[in-house]
Amino acid sequence: MPANSRVEDDAQRLKPLKSILAKVPDSQEPDSQEPDSNSYPGYEGRRRKAALLLAIAWSSTIALHLISWGFWLVVGITALLCIQALRICFARPRAIPTPLQGDREVAETENWPTVSLLVAAKNEEAVIGRLLRMLCNQNYPASKYEVWAIDDRSTDKTPAVLEELAREYDNLKVLRRQGGAGGGKSGALNQVLPLTKGEILAVFDADAQVGPDMLRQLLPLFDSSTVGAVQMRKTIVNADLNFWTQGQETEMALDTFFQQQRIAVTGIGELRGNGQFVRRSALESCGGWNELTITDDLDLTIRLHLDGWDIEFVAFPDVLEEGVTQAKALWHQRNRWGEGGYQRYLDYWRLILSNRMGFLKTWDMFGFWAIQYFLPVAAGPDLLMAIAYRHFPVMSPLSALAIFLSFLGMFTGLRRINKNEKLTIATFFLTGLKTLRGTLYMLHWFVIVASVSLRISIRPKRLKWVKTIHEGTGQLQL
């Protein structure tokens, strides 16, 4: 727990999250084919908890159709959520701090934080060299930052590329994982962590692209002692390629809107894996990267908030990445994201319900859980019962709220990330068309979340990773 940002009573009242997570659960035994659950509470019986939650969602939805006031109960819950929605919609995003100023060689840079930039890569020969050159040429004092590339047993030309770049750049260090090393990306990051020196740790995917002033622009956000992490806005570099990449562009715009607005009302800021910066003391206080999850960023998001830290978000600078270009690859990637997001509620539900994060964050998380996870799970039985009884789905008020927020968030997000574009009738309608297309694209999340909730309720969990192929398309214009 960060002592410099908590009053003494709070420090005594709340145990460090790391000590809580280290306890061995004494209730249920873990599923026989799940990973070892002794490291964190809540991992025992993920499948049973998922099945119970699914049964509750389906049975409660069916019950709402069978009682006369079921629809109005949903109207009342939606009205409560609308209060939070109005707060989010009308909030003013926080101001961006002034970038660090000064020559890289003068004494005034002595108090600038030290930074370790981390890239975990496996078979990324097409893109890894471009990113590492960008990271090694940051407009930041050379003595204040380092770059680490973790080669996770690549079988292509990635090792040769890293060896050549290590000879070219003094601030680039390479760690090669040996056979038998596990934990995926989280395992790679945990392995390199003791070797790093930075007060701030940044994580990038191999296909990322960043500008030379990234560190100067972003690091002032850590001046607040309560900030445990900062997430950069993600931009799809190949957005014009097809329907799927165009949809991901609007999805990132939607994420930008909600990140900024939720943080503005003291809600939940979230990490997105690529372009995430984490304070070392915050990471260590909540136990490092979790090797028992398939989405380390979403898992770390919850643990940081449970440990009393805030997560900030910046729209500028942004981090560019390749969008998934094919429907099958997108399905695999989004299933992993959906499952990882769902898992964190199953793993940490007791700590979330204990209000450890505070009322505003807990209420914000509940609202987005209801729209992102409960609504898609309930949609199936709701539709079947509506057809059988020949009336409107009882979840239609909540669905209307979700569609409205999605449309508003996409439109506003697209305008914000194109802030230099003059608003004319033409640009207004163009943004509207992009928003309509993006809303249609986002419907795939209903199918993914519904299928994920059913699958993890039935099948034993295995940590299966389907690699996203990066081709090196698109180039950052500096």
Protein backbone atom coordinates (compact mmCIF):
# COMPACT_ATOMS: atom_id res chain seq x y z
CA MET A 1 0.00 0.00 0.00
CA PRO A 2 1.54 3.37 -0.98
CA ALA A 3 2.32 4.97 2.38
CA ASN A 4 2.94 8.44 0.95
CA SER A 5 -0.61 8.58 -0.44
CA ARG A 6 -2.65 7.10 2.41
CA VAL A 7 -3.48 8.39 5.84
CA GLU A 8 -2.17 6.30 8.69
CA ASP A 9 -5.61 4.92 9.55
CA ASP A 10 -6.12 3.62 6.03
CA ALA A 11 -2.69 2.01 6.04
CA GLN A 12 -3.54 0.15 9.22
CA ARG A 13 -7.08 -0.72 8.16
CA LEU A 14 -6.27 -2.18 4.73
CA LYS A 15 -3.83 -5.03 4.46
CA PRO A 16 -1.52 -4.97 1.42
CA LEU A 17 -3.22 -6.78 -1.43
CA LYS A 18 -0.11 -8.87 -2.06
CA SER A 19 -0.41 -10.49 1.36
CA ILE A 20 -4.09 -11.28 0.75
CA LEU A 21 -3.43 -12.77 -2.67
CA ALA A 22 -0.66 -14.97 -1.30
CA LYS A 23 -3.04 -16.90 0.95
CA VAL A 24 -4.00 -20.42 0.00
CA PRO A 25 -7.79 -20.72 -0.32
CA ASP A 26 -9.24 -22.95 2.33
CA SER A 27 -12.69 -23.48 0.86
CA GLN A 28 -13.06 -25.32 -2.43
CA GLU A 29 -10.52 -27.44 -4.22
CA PRO A 30 -9.41 -26.23 -7.65
CA ASP A 31 -10.78 -27.93 -10.73
CA SER A 32 -8.53 -30.84 -11.62
CA GLN A 33 -7.59 -29.49 -15.03
CA GLU A 34 -7.25 -25.82 -14.10
CA PRO A 35 -3.87 -24.19 -13.32
CA ASP A 36 -2.55 -24.30 -9.76
CA SER A 37 -4.80 -21.99 -7.76
CA ASN A 38 -2.66 -21.64 -4.64
CA SER A 39 -1.16 -18.31 -5.66
CA TYR A 40 -4.36 -16.28 -5.65
CA PRO A 41 -7.73 -16.61 -3.95
CA GLY A 42 -10.75 -17.10 -6.15
CA TYR A 43 -9.01 -19.22 -8.78
CA GLU A 44 -10.43 -22.35 -7.20
CA GLY A 45 -13.56 -23.52 -8.96
CA ARG A 46 -13.66 -20.92 -11.73
CA ARG A 47 -15.84 -23.28 -13.73
CA ARG A 48 -18.26 -23.78 -10.85
CA LYS A 49 -18.55 -20.06 -10.21
CA ALA A 50 -19.08 -19.39 -13.92
CA ALA A 51 -21.79 -22.05 -14.06
CA LEU A 52 -23.50 -20.60 -10.99
CA LEU A 53 -23.41 -17.07 -12.42
CA LEU A 54 -24.77 -18.33 -15.74
CA ALA A 55 -27.61 -20.15 -13.99
CA ILE A 56 -28.48 -17.04 -11.98
CA ALA A 57 -28.47 -14.85 -15.12
CA TRP A 58 -30.65 -17.22 -17.11
CA SER A 59 -33.10 -18.08 -14.31
CA SER A 60 -33.53 -14.45 -13.22
CA THR A 61 -34.17 -13.39 -16.83
CA ILE A 62 -36.79 -16.11 -17.25
CA ALA A 63 -38.35 -15.18 -13.91
CA LEU A 64 -38.69 -11.55 -15.01
CA HIS A 65 -40.88 -12.73 -17.89
CA LEU A 66 -43.09 -14.69 -15.55
CA ILE A 67 -43.93 -11.90 -13.12
CA SER A 68 -46.10 -8.93 -14.08
CA TRP A 69 -43.72 -6.30 -12.79
CA GLY A 70 -40.51 -7.85 -14.19
CA PHE A 71 -40.18 -5.32 -17.02
CA TRP A 72 -40.59 -2.41 -14.61
CA LEU A 73 -37.94 -3.81 -12.32
CA VAL A 74 -35.50 -3.67 -15.24
CA VAL A 75 -36.69 -0.13 -15.97
CA GLY A 76 -35.87 0.84 -12.38
CA ILE A 77 -32.40 -0.71 -12.48
CA THR A 78 -31.74 0.96 -15.82
CA ALA A 79 -32.83 4.30 -14.36
CA LEU A 80 -30.26 3.90 -11.58
CA LEU A 81 -27.60 3.10 -14.14
CA CYS A 82 -28.68 6.15 -16.14
CA ILE A 83 -27.61 8.34 -13.24
CA GLN A 84 -24.07 7.06 -13.58
CA ALA A 85 -24.38 7.25 -17.37
CA LEU A 86 -25.31 10.93 -17.17
CA ARG A 87 -22.38 11.62 -14.85
CA ILE A 88 -20.07 9.92 -17.35
CA CYS A 89 -21.51 11.66 -20.40
CA PHE A 90 -21.33 15.16 -18.95
CA ALA A 91 -17.99 14.88 -17.15
CA ARG A 92 -15.07 17.02 -18.25
CA PRO A 93 -11.97 14.95 -19.07
CA ARG A 94 -8.95 15.71 -16.95
CA ALA A 95 -6.36 18.12 -18.31
CA ILE A 96 -3.14 16.72 -19.73
CA PRO A 97 -0.07 17.78 -17.68
CA THR A 98 2.63 19.89 -19.28
CA PRO A 99 5.32 17.71 -20.92
CA LEU A 100 8.77 17.55 -19.36
CA GLN A 101 10.95 20.39 -20.62
CA GLY A 102 14.70 20.80 -20.79
CA ASP A 103 17.81 19.60 -22.57
CA ARG A 104 18.60 15.92 -22.15
CA GLU A 105 22.10 16.66 -20.87
CA VAL A 106 21.52 19.43 -18.30
CA ALA A 107 21.18 19.12 -14.54
CA GLU A 108 17.43 19.84 -14.48
CA THR A 109 16.77 16.32 -15.78
CA GLU A 110 18.30 14.70 -12.68
CA ASN A 111 14.90 14.46 -10.97
CA TRP A 112 13.19 12.88 -13.96
CA PRO A 113 12.05 9.32 -13.25
CA THR A 114 13.97 6.30 -14.49
CA VAL A 115 12.05 4.14 -16.94
CA SER A 116 12.34 0.57 -18.20
CA LEU A 117 10.64 -0.10 -21.54
CA LEU A 118 9.74 -3.78 -21.92
CA VAL A 119 8.88 -5.75 -25.05
CA ALA A 120 8.04 -9.45 -24.74
CA ALA A 121 8.18 -11.05 -28.20
CA LYS A 122 7.87 -14.44 -29.84
CA ASN A 123 8.39 -14.83 -33.58
CA GLU A 124 8.10 -11.11 -34.34
CA GLU A 125 10.84 -10.66 -36.95
CA ALA A 126 8.58 -8.50 -39.15
CA VAL A 127 8.00 -5.76 -36.57
CA ILE A 128 10.34 -6.01 -33.56
CA GLY A 129 13.20 -4.07 -35.13
CA ARG A 130 11.04 -1.05 -35.99
CA LEU A 131 9.68 -0.75 -32.45
CA LEU A 132 13.03 -1.16 -30.71
CA ARG A 133 14.59 1.56 -32.83
CA MET A 134 11.76 3.89 -31.83
CA LEU A 135 12.17 3.03 -28.16
CA CYS A 136 15.95 3.38 -28.23
CA ASN A 137 15.71 6.84 -29.81
CA GLN A 138 13.44 8.51 -27.28
CA ASN A 139 13.97 12.21 -26.59
CA TYR A 140 14.88 11.43 -22.99
CA PRO A 141 18.20 11.30 -21.09
CA ALA A 142 20.01 8.09 -22.00
CA SER A 143 21.00 7.53 -18.38
CA LYS A 144 17.36 7.67 -17.32
CA TYR A 145 15.87 4.89 -19.38
CA GLU A 146 16.58 1.43 -20.71
CA VAL A 147 14.97 -0.92 -23.20
CA TRP A 148 14.51 -4.63 -22.55
CA ALA A 149 13.52 -7.13 -25.24
CA ILE A 150 12.46 -10.54 -23.93
CA ASP A 151 12.77 -13.23 -26.58
CA ASP A 152 10.28 -15.91 -25.58
CA ARG A 153 11.95 -18.80 -27.43
CA SER A 154 11.39 -17.48 -30.95
CA THR A 155 11.94 -19.90 -33.83
CA ASP A 156 12.15 -17.31 -36.63
CA LYS A 157 14.74 -14.56 -37.21
CA THR A 158 13.76 -12.60 -34.10
CA PRO A 159 16.93 -13.63 -32.15
CA ALA A 160 19.16 -12.49 -35.01
CA VAL A 161 17.35 -9.14 -35.22
CA LEU A 162 17.75 -8.61 -31.48
CA GLU A 163 21.43 -9.51 -31.55
CA GLU A 164 22.10 -6.99 -34.30
CA LEU A 165 20.16 -4.22 -32.54
CA ALA A 166 21.90 -4.91 -29.21
CA ARG A 167 25.22 -4.18 -30.91
CA GLU A 168 23.80 -0.95 -32.35
CA TYR A 169 22.18 0.48 -29.20
CA ASP A 170 23.87 0.64 -25.80
CA ASN A 171 20.58 1.07 -23.92
CA LEU A 172 19.05 -2.10 -25.41
CA LYS A 173 19.28 -5.28 -23.35
CA VAL A 174 18.07 -8.71 -24.42
CA LEU A 175 16.82 -11.58 -22.25
CA ARG A 176 16.34 -14.95 -23.93
CA ARG A 177 13.98 -17.32 -22.15
CA GLN A 178 15.04 -20.94 -22.00
CA GLY A 179 13.02 -24.07 -22.68
CA GLY A 180 10.55 -24.87 -19.93
CA ALA A 181 9.91 -21.21 -19.01
CA GLY A 182 6.18 -20.76 -18.62
CA GLY A 183 3.64 -18.09 -17.81
CA GLY A 184 3.38 -16.63 -21.31
CA LYS A 185 3.75 -12.85 -21.53
CA SER A 186 3.26 -12.47 -17.76
CA GLY A 187 6.00 -15.03 -17.11
CA ALA A 188 8.37 -13.18 -19.44
CA LEU A 189 7.68 -9.85 -17.75
CA ASN A 190 8.09 -11.33 -14.26
CA GLN A 191 11.38 -12.93 -15.30
CA VAL A 192 12.89 -9.68 -16.53
CA LEU A 193 11.52 -7.55 -13.68
CA PRO A 194 14.43 -8.16 -11.20
CA LEU A 195 16.90 -7.11 -13.92
CA THR A 196 15.29 -3.74 -14.59
CA LYS A 197 16.14 -0.47 -12.89
CA GLY A 198 13.20 1.80 -13.75
CA GLU A 199 10.89 3.45 -11.25
CA ILE A 200 8.34 3.25 -14.05
CA LEU A 201 7.87 0.13 -16.20
CA ALA A 202 6.29 0.32 -19.66
CA VAL A 203 5.03 -2.63 -21.68
CA PHE A 204 4.64 -2.70 -25.47
CA ASP A 205 3.56 -5.28 -27.99
CA ALA A 206 6.07 -5.99 -30.73
CA ASP A 207 3.95 -4.31 -33.44
CA ALA A 208 3.69 -1.02 -31.51
CA GLN A 209 4.84 2.32 -32.87
CA VAL A 210 5.49 5.39 -30.72
CA GLY A 211 6.75 8.93 -31.16
CA PRO A 212 10.12 10.23 -29.89
CA ASP A 213 8.59 12.52 -27.24
CA MET A 214 6.39 9.82 -25.69
CA LEU A 215 8.19 9.73 -22.32
CA ARG A 216 8.29 13.50 -21.92
CA GLN A 217 4.58 13.76 -22.60
CA LEU A 218 3.38 10.86 -20.48
CA LEU A 219 5.57 10.70 -17.39
CA PRO A 220 4.23 13.90 -15.71
CA LEU A 221 1.05 11.94 -14.98
CA PHE A 222 3.02 10.01 -12.37
CA ASP A 223 3.62 13.22 -10.38
CA SER A 224 0.50 12.28 -8.42
CA SER A 225 1.53 9.75 -5.80
CA THR A 226 -1.82 7.92 -6.11
CA VAL A 227 -1.31 7.09 -9.80
CA GLY A 228 -0.18 3.49 -10.14
CA ALA A 229 -0.42 3.16 -13.91
CA VAL A 230 -1.09 5.07 -17.13
CA GLN A 231 -2.55 3.70 -20.35
CA MET A 232 -1.87 5.24 -23.77
CA ARG A 233 -4.63 5.45 -26.35
CA LYS A 234 -4.34 2.70 -28.94
CA THR A 235 -4.62 3.64 -32.61
CA ILE A 236 -5.19 1.15 -35.43
CA VAL A 237 -2.49 1.87 -38.01
CA ASN A 238 -4.13 -0.15 -40.81
CA ALA A 239 -7.67 1.08 -40.12
CA ASP A 240 -8.52 1.68 -43.78
CA LEU A 241 -7.88 -1.91 -44.84
CA ASN A 242 -11.33 -3.51 -44.43
CA PHE A 243 -14.51 -3.69 -42.34
CA TRP A 244 -12.78 -5.42 -39.44
CA THR A 245 -9.96 -2.90 -39.08
CA GLN A 246 -12.39 -0.01 -39.53
CA GLY A 247 -14.47 -1.50 -36.73
CA GLN A 248 -11.44 -1.73 -34.48
CA GLU A 249 -10.72 1.95 -35.15
CA THR A 250 -14.15 2.95 -33.84
CA GLU A 251 -13.76 0.47 -30.98
CA MET A 252 -10.60 2.27 -29.87
CA ALA A 253 -12.41 5.61 -30.16
CA LEU A 254 -15.17 4.23 -27.94
CA ASP A 255 -12.56 3.04 -25.45
CA THR A 256 -10.96 6.49 -25.47
CA PHE A 257 -14.25 8.15 -24.58
CA PHE A 258 -15.11 5.80 -21.74
CA GLN A 259 -11.59 5.75 -20.32
CA GLN A 260 -11.51 9.54 -20.10
CA GLN A 261 -15.06 9.91 -18.81
CA ARG A 262 -14.95 7.12 -16.24
CA ILE A 263 -11.69 8.42 -14.80
CA ALA A 264 -13.17 11.93 -14.67
CA VAL A 265 -15.97 10.73 -12.35
CA THR A 266 -13.57 8.69 -10.15
CA GLY A 267 -14.47 5.48 -11.89
CA ILE A 268 -12.26 2.71 -13.24
CA GLY A 269 -9.37 3.43 -15.59
CA GLU A 270 -8.21 0.28 -17.37
CA LEU A 271 -4.97 -1.07 -18.82
CA ARG A 272 -4.88 -2.34 -22.39
CA GLY A 273 -1.58 -4.25 -22.48
CA ASN A 274 0.10 -2.35 -25.28
CA GLY A 275 1.35 1.07 -24.23
CA GLN A 276 0.80 0.59 -20.50
CA PHE A 277 3.04 2.26 -17.91
CA VAL A 278 3.11 0.94 -14.33
CA ARG A 279 4.79 2.33 -11.24
CA ARG A 280 7.21 -0.31 -9.91
CA SER A 281 6.10 0.11 -6.29
CA ALA A 282 2.45 -0.33 -7.34
CA LEU A 283 3.24 -3.47 -9.33
CA GLU A 284 5.22 -5.00 -6.49
CA SER A 285 2.60 -4.11 -3.87
CA CYS A 286 -0.05 -6.15 -5.68
CA GLY A 287 2.13 -9.14 -6.53
CA GLY A 288 3.57 -8.58 -10.02
CA TRP A 289 2.08 -9.87 -13.26
CA ASN A 290 -0.38 -12.71 -12.89
CA GLU A 291 0.73 -15.86 -14.75
CA LEU A 292 -2.62 -17.59 -14.19
CA THR A 293 -4.65 -15.39 -16.51
CA ILE A 294 -4.85 -14.97 -20.27
CA THR A 295 -5.24 -11.17 -20.06
CA ASP A 296 -2.53 -9.82 -17.79
CA ASP A 297 -3.59 -6.21 -18.39
CA LEU A 298 -7.22 -6.64 -17.30
CA ASP A 299 -6.17 -8.70 -14.30
CA LEU A 300 -3.60 -6.10 -13.23
CA THR A 301 -6.23 -3.38 -13.65
CA ILE A 302 -8.42 -4.94 -10.97
CA ARG A 303 -5.54 -5.63 -8.58
CA LEU A 304 -4.19 -2.09 -8.82
CA HIS A 305 -7.60 -0.59 -8.02
CA LEU A 306 -8.12 -3.07 -5.19
CA ASP A 307 -4.76 -2.00 -3.80
CA GLY A 308 -5.82 1.65 -3.73
CA TRP A 309 -4.08 2.93 -6.86
CA ASP A 310 -5.53 5.03 -9.67
CA ILE A 311 -5.05 4.36 -13.39
CA GLU A 312 -4.83 7.34 -15.74
CA PHE A 313 -5.37 7.44 -19.50
CA VAL A 314 -3.85 9.67 -22.18
CA ALA A 315 -5.27 10.24 -25.64
CA PHE A 316 -2.06 11.97 -26.75
CA PRO A 317 0.52 10.56 -27.17
CA ASP A 318 -0.96 7.40 -28.62
CA VAL A 319 0.52 4.02 -29.43
CA LEU A 320 -0.06 2.60 -32.90
CA GLU A 321 -0.72 -1.09 -33.46
CA GLU A 322 -1.88 -3.36 -36.24
CA GLY A 323 -5.55 -4.23 -36.31
CA VAL A 324 -6.57 -7.84 -36.87
CA THR A 325 -7.45 -8.21 -40.54
CA GLN A 326 -9.49 -11.43 -40.69
CA ALA A 327 -12.69 -12.50 -38.97
CA LYS A 328 -11.25 -15.77 -37.64
CA ALA A 329 -8.23 -14.10 -36.08
CA LEU A 330 -10.46 -11.40 -34.61
CA TRP A 331 -12.72 -14.08 -33.12
CA HIS A 332 -9.77 -15.75 -31.37
CA GLN A 333 -8.39 -12.45 -30.06
CA ARG A 334 -11.72 -11.12 -28.82
CA ASN A 335 -12.57 -14.46 -27.21
CA ARG A 336 -9.36 -14.18 -25.22
CA TRP A 337 -10.19 -10.61 -24.22
CA GLY A 338 -13.76 -11.54 -23.33
CA GLU A 339 -12.71 -14.53 -21.28
CA GLY A 340 -10.00 -12.60 -19.46
CA GLY A 341 -12.42 -9.82 -18.63
CA TYR A 342 -14.98 -12.33 -17.36
CA GLN A 343 -12.39 -14.20 -15.28
CA ARG A 344 -11.44 -11.19 -13.21
CA TYR A 345 -14.97 -10.93 -11.79
CA LEU A 346 -14.90 -14.62 -10.94
CA ASP A 347 -11.45 -14.36 -9.34
CA TYR A 348 -11.87 -11.17 -7.30
CA TRP A 349 -15.61 -10.94 -6.63
CA ARG A 350 -15.22 -11.09 -2.85
CA LEU A 351 -12.70 -8.24 -2.80
CA ILE A 352 -14.82 -6.21 -5.24
CA LEU A 353 -17.99 -6.64 -3.18
CA SER A 354 -16.11 -5.72 0.00
CA ASN A 355 -15.99 -2.17 -1.43
CA ARG A 356 -12.20 -2.16 -1.10
CA MET A 357 -11.95 0.19 -4.10
CA GLY A 358 -14.44 2.69 -2.68
CA PHE A 359 -18.09 3.27 -3.59
CA LEU A 360 -17.58 5.30 -6.77
CA LYS A 361 -15.24 2.78 -8.37
CA THR A 362 -17.31 -0.19 -7.24
CA TRP A 363 -20.52 1.32 -8.60
CA ASP A 364 -18.80 2.22 -11.86
CA MET A 365 -17.54 -1.34 -12.21
CA PHE A 366 -21.00 -2.75 -11.51
CA GLY A 367 -22.58 -0.57 -14.19
CA PHE A 368 -20.15 -1.67 -16.87
CA TRP A 369 -20.35 -5.30 -15.75
CA ALA A 370 -24.13 -5.14 -16.19
CA ILE A 371 -23.82 -3.81 -19.75
CA GLN A 372 -20.69 -5.62 -20.92
CA TYR A 373 -21.24 -9.05 -19.37
CA PHE A 374 -24.67 -9.58 -17.80
CA LEU A 375 -26.67 -8.16 -20.72
CA PRO A 376 -25.08 -10.39 -23.42
CA VAL A 377 -25.46 -13.47 -21.17
CA ALA A 378 -29.13 -12.69 -20.54
CA ALA A 379 -29.90 -11.80 -24.17
CA GLY A 380 -30.43 -15.39 -25.32
CA PRO A 381 -33.08 -16.51 -22.81
CA ASP A 382 -34.61 -13.02 -22.92
CA LEU A 383 -35.19 -13.27 -26.67
CA LEU A 384 -36.56 -16.82 -26.46
CA MET A 385 -39.00 -15.89 -23.70
CA ALA A 386 -40.07 -12.76 -25.60
CA ILE A 387 -40.86 -14.87 -28.65
CA ALA A 388 -42.69 -17.47 -26.59
CA TYR A 389 -44.82 -14.88 -24.72
CA ARG A 390 -45.11 -12.48 -27.69
CA HIS A 391 -43.93 -9.33 -25.96
CA PHE A 392 -40.85 -7.13 -25.85
CA PRO A 393 -37.65 -8.50 -24.27
CA VAL A 394 -37.54 -7.42 -20.62
CA MET A 395 -33.91 -6.36 -21.06
CA SER A 396 -34.80 -3.87 -23.79
CA PRO A 397 -34.36 -0.80 -21.51
CA LEU A 398 -30.84 -1.94 -20.60
CA SER A 399 -30.14 -2.76 -24.26
CA ALA A 400 -31.30 0.71 -25.29
CA LEU A 401 -28.96 2.27 -22.74
CA ALA A 402 -26.05 0.17 -23.99
CA ILE A 403 -26.68 1.12 -27.65
CA PHE A 404 -27.07 4.80 -26.79
CA LEU A 405 -23.84 4.90 -24.80
CA SER A 406 -22.00 3.01 -27.54
CA PHE A 407 -23.18 5.40 -30.25
CA LEU A 408 -22.49 8.53 -28.21
CA GLY A 409 -19.11 7.26 -27.05
CA MET A 410 -17.96 6.31 -30.54
CA PHE A 411 -19.03 9.59 -32.09
CA THR A 412 -17.46 11.71 -29.36
CA GLY A 413 -14.33 9.56 -29.25
CA LEU A 414 -13.82 9.88 -33.00
CA ARG A 415 -14.17 13.67 -32.76
CA ARG A 416 -11.66 13.82 -29.90
CA ILE A 417 -8.96 11.79 -31.60
CA ASN A 418 -9.42 13.91 -34.73
CA LYS A 419 -9.35 17.14 -32.75
CA ASN A 420 -7.51 19.03 -35.49
CA GLU A 421 -10.24 18.22 -38.03
CA LYS A 422 -12.66 21.10 -38.50
CA LEU A 423 -16.27 20.16 -37.79
CA THR A 424 -18.31 20.71 -40.94
CA ILE A 425 -21.50 19.16 -42.26
CA ALA A 426 -19.38 16.74 -44.30
CA THR A 427 -17.18 15.67 -41.36
CA PHE A 428 -20.24 15.41 -39.11
CA PHE A 429 -21.95 12.96 -41.46
CA LEU A 430 -18.71 11.07 -42.10
CA THR A 431 -18.23 10.60 -38.36
CA GLY A 432 -21.86 9.54 -38.07
CA LEU A 433 -21.41 6.90 -40.76
CA LYS A 434 -18.28 5.58 -39.05
CA THR A 435 -20.23 5.43 -35.80
CA LEU A 436 -23.09 3.47 -37.37
CA ARG A 437 -20.63 1.02 -38.89
CA GLY A 438 -18.80 0.74 -35.58
CA THR A 439 -22.05 0.08 -33.70
CA LEU A 440 -22.82 -2.75 -36.12
CA TYR A 441 -19.29 -4.09 -35.66
CA MET A 442 -19.58 -4.01 -31.86
CA LEU A 443 -22.55 -6.40 -31.92
CA HIS A 444 -20.04 -9.26 -32.18
CA TRP A 445 -19.29 -8.69 -28.49
CA PHE A 446 -22.77 -9.98 -27.59
CA VAL A 447 -22.00 -13.28 -29.30
CA ILE A 448 -18.51 -13.52 -27.83
CA VAL A 449 -19.46 -12.80 -24.22
CA ALA A 450 -22.48 -15.13 -24.38
CA SER A 451 -20.38 -17.97 -25.83
CA VAL A 452 -17.50 -17.37 -23.41
CA SER A 453 -19.79 -17.48 -20.38
CA LEU A 454 -21.26 -20.77 -21.57
CA ARG A 455 -17.92 -22.32 -22.52
CA ILE A 456 -16.10 -21.62 -19.28
CA SER A 457 -19.11 -22.91 -17.34
CA ILE A 458 -18.79 -26.30 -19.02
CA ARG A 459 -15.23 -26.89 -20.15
CA PRO A 460 -12.18 -27.13 -17.85
CA LYS A 461 -9.88 -24.15 -18.33
CA ARG A 462 -6.61 -24.51 -20.16
CA LEU A 463 -4.34 -21.54 -20.74
CA LYS A 464 -4.39 -21.65 -24.53
CA TRP A 465 -2.74 -18.87 -26.52
CA VAL A 466 -3.55 -18.17 -30.17
CA LYS A 467 -0.87 -15.89 -31.58
CA THR A 468 -1.87 -12.72 -33.41
CA ILE A 469 0.22 -12.47 -36.57
CA HIS A 470 1.93 -9.11 -37.18
CA GLU A 471 2.95 -8.22 -40.71
CA GLY A 472 4.54 -4.80 -40.23
CA THR A 473 1.86 -2.91 -42.17
CA GLY A 474 1.42 0.81 -41.71
CA GLN A 475 4.01 3.35 -40.62
CA LEU A 476 3.91 6.11 -38.02
CA GLN A 477 4.28 9.53 -39.61
CA LEU A 478 6.63 11.59 -37.45
